[in-house]
C-alpha atoms as a PDB file:
ATOM      1  CA  MET A   1     -49.694  75.729 -39.052  1.00  0.00           C
ATOM      2  CA  ASP A   2     -48.169  73.859 -41.992  1.00  0.00           C
ATOM      3  CA  LEU A   3     -49.967  71.647 -44.503  1.00  0.00           C
ATOM      4  CA  ASN A   4     -49.006  68.429 -42.708  1.00  0.00           C
ATOM      5  CA  GLU A   5     -50.559  69.725 -39.484  1.00  0.00           C
ATOM      6  CA  ILE A   6     -53.678  70.682 -41.425  1.00  0.00           C
ATOM      7  CA  ASP A   7     -53.817  67.163 -42.873  1.00  0.00           C
ATOM      8  CA  LEU A   8     -53.612  65.701 -39.355  1.00  0.00           C
ATOM      9  CA  LEU A   9     -56.449  67.988 -38.305  1.00  0.00           C
ATOM     10  CA  PHE A  10     -58.551  66.752 -41.224  1.00  0.00           C
ATOM     11  CA  LYS A  11     -57.770  63.137 -40.287  1.00  0.00           C
ATOM     12  CA  GLU A  12     -59.103  63.824 -36.793  1.00  0.00           C
ATOM     13  CA  LEU A  13     -62.192  65.556 -38.177  1.00  0.00           C
ATOM     14  CA  VAL A  14     -62.890  62.652 -40.545  1.00  0.00           C
ATOM     15  CA  GLU A  15     -62.521  60.065 -37.784  1.00  0.00           C
ATOM     16  CA  GLY A  16     -64.782  62.089 -35.513  1.00  0.00           C
ATOM     17  CA  GLN A  17     -67.402  62.352 -38.238  1.00  0.00           C
ATOM     18  CA  LYS A  18     -67.261  58.610 -38.890  1.00  0.00           C
ATOM     19  CA  LYS A  19     -67.878  57.977 -35.183  1.00  0.00           C
ATOM     20  CA  ARG A  20     -70.770  60.443 -35.236  1.00  0.00           C
ATOM     21  CA  MET A  21     -72.281  58.683 -38.258  1.00  0.00           C
ATOM     22  CA  LEU A  22     -71.914  55.260 -36.654  1.00  0.00           C
ATOM     23  CA  ALA A  23     -73.583  56.470 -33.453  1.00  0.00           C
ATOM     24  CA  LEU A  24     -76.487  57.913 -35.443  1.00  0.00           C
ATOM     25  CA  ALA A  25     -76.745  54.763 -37.576  1.00  0.00           C
ATOM     26  CA  LYS A  26     -76.882  52.645 -34.401  1.00  0.00           C
ATOM     27  CA  GLU A  27     -79.812  54.743 -33.174  1.00  0.00           C
ATOM     28  CA  ILE A  28     -81.604  53.894 -36.416  1.00  0.00           C
ATOM     29  CA  ILE A  29     -80.410  50.275 -36.797  1.00  0.00           C
ATOM     30  CA  PRO A  30     -78.878  49.008 -33.514  1.00  0.00           C
ATOM     31  CA  SER A  31     -77.157  45.990 -35.105  1.00  0.00           C
ATOM     32  CA  ILE A  32     -75.270  47.997 -37.736  1.00  0.00           C
ATOM     33  CA  ILE A  33     -71.465  47.910 -37.822  1.00  0.00           C
ATOM     34  CA  GLU A  34     -68.959  50.414 -39.167  1.00  0.00           C
ATOM     35  CA  GLU A  35     -68.343  48.468 -42.382  1.00  0.00           C
ATOM     36  CA  ASP A  36     -72.061  48.678 -43.192  1.00  0.00           C
ATOM     37  CA  LEU A  37     -71.704  52.443 -43.491  1.00  0.00           C
ATOM     38  CA  LEU A  38     -69.614  51.965 -46.623  1.00  0.00           C
ATOM     39  CA  GLN A  39     -72.797  50.902 -48.434  1.00  0.00           C
ATOM     40  CA  PRO A  40     -75.707  52.599 -46.694  1.00  0.00           C
ATOM     41  CA  PHE A  41     -77.895  52.024 -49.758  1.00  0.00           C
ATOM     42  CA  ASP A  42     -78.132  48.400 -48.569  1.00  0.00           C
ATOM     43  CA  PHE A  43     -80.111  49.750 -45.600  1.00  0.00           C
ATOM     44  CA  PRO A  44     -83.236  51.640 -46.685  1.00  0.00           C
ATOM     45  CA  LEU A  45     -83.704  53.037 -43.183  1.00  0.00           C
ATOM     46  CA  LEU A  46     -80.325  54.771 -43.500  1.00  0.00           C
ATOM     47  CA  GLU A  47     -80.624  55.633 -47.157  1.00  0.00           C
ATOM     48  CA  ASN A  48     -83.879  57.468 -46.559  1.00  0.00           C
ATOM     49  CA  HIS A  49     -83.015  59.050 -43.193  1.00  0.00           C
ATOM     50  CA  PRO A  50     -82.440  62.806 -43.628  1.00  0.00           C
ATOM     51  CA  ASP A  51     -80.174  63.189 -40.589  1.00  0.00           C
ATOM     52  CA  PHE A  52     -77.964  60.308 -41.661  1.00  0.00           C
ATOM     53  CA  ARG A  53     -77.787  61.628 -45.225  1.00  0.00           C
ATOM     54  CA  TYR A  54     -76.788  65.057 -43.885  1.00  0.00           C
ATOM     55  CA  GLU A  55     -73.993  63.569 -41.751  1.00  0.00           C
ATOM     56  CA  GLU A  56     -72.865  61.526 -44.752  1.00  0.00           C
ATOM     57  CA  GLY A  57     -72.634  64.767 -46.728  1.00  0.00           C
ATOM     58  CA  VAL A  58     -70.533  66.361 -43.992  1.00  0.00           C
ATOM     59  CA  LEU A  59     -68.145  63.407 -44.171  1.00  0.00           C
ATOM     60  CA  GLU A  60     -67.888  63.706 -47.947  1.00  0.00           C
ATOM     61  CA  GLY A  61     -67.104  67.407 -47.607  1.00  0.00           C
ATOM     62  CA  LEU A  62     -64.347  66.716 -45.106  1.00  0.00           C
ATOM     63  CA  LEU A  63     -62.869  64.009 -47.328  1.00  0.00           C
ATOM     64  CA  THR A  64     -62.941  66.332 -50.332  1.00  0.00           C
ATOM     65  CA  ALA A  65     -61.217  69.097 -48.387  1.00  0.00           C
ATOM     66  CA  ARG A  66     -58.584  66.648 -47.145  1.00  0.00           C
ATOM     67  CA  MET A  67     -57.881  65.491 -50.693  1.00  0.00           C
ATOM     68  CA  ALA A  68     -57.342  69.118 -51.698  1.00  0.00           C
ATOM     69  CA  ILE A  69     -54.841  69.534 -48.842  1.00  0.00           C
ATOM     70  CA  LEU A  70     -53.031  66.317 -49.826  1.00  0.00           C
ATOM     71  CA  SER A  71     -52.840  67.572 -53.404  1.00  0.00           C
ATOM     72  CA  GLU A  72     -51.202  70.765 -52.172  1.00  0.00           C
ATOM     73  CA  ILE A  73     -48.759  68.818 -50.001  1.00  0.00           C
ATOM     74  CA  LYS A  74     -47.688  66.688 -52.960  1.00  0.00           C
ATOM     75  CA  SER A  75     -47.194  69.745 -55.151  1.00  0.00           C
ATOM     76  CA  PHE A  76     -44.412  71.078 -52.895  1.00  0.00           C
END
């Protein structure tokens, strides 16, 4: 597997995690939309929900790992 394939895998993982977060957020606040997840601090129910915060952390980890892969790709 080359770095470009790994980047595609990370893209899929990130998109899957975003969908997971949106589904969880909709359980907490049914009227929420995807764009609202960019600023969850505007929604105290999300900001203070431990499961949502955990999933948000997973997303941040995936994004960080993807940035590391992109950095490696650009260094070649």
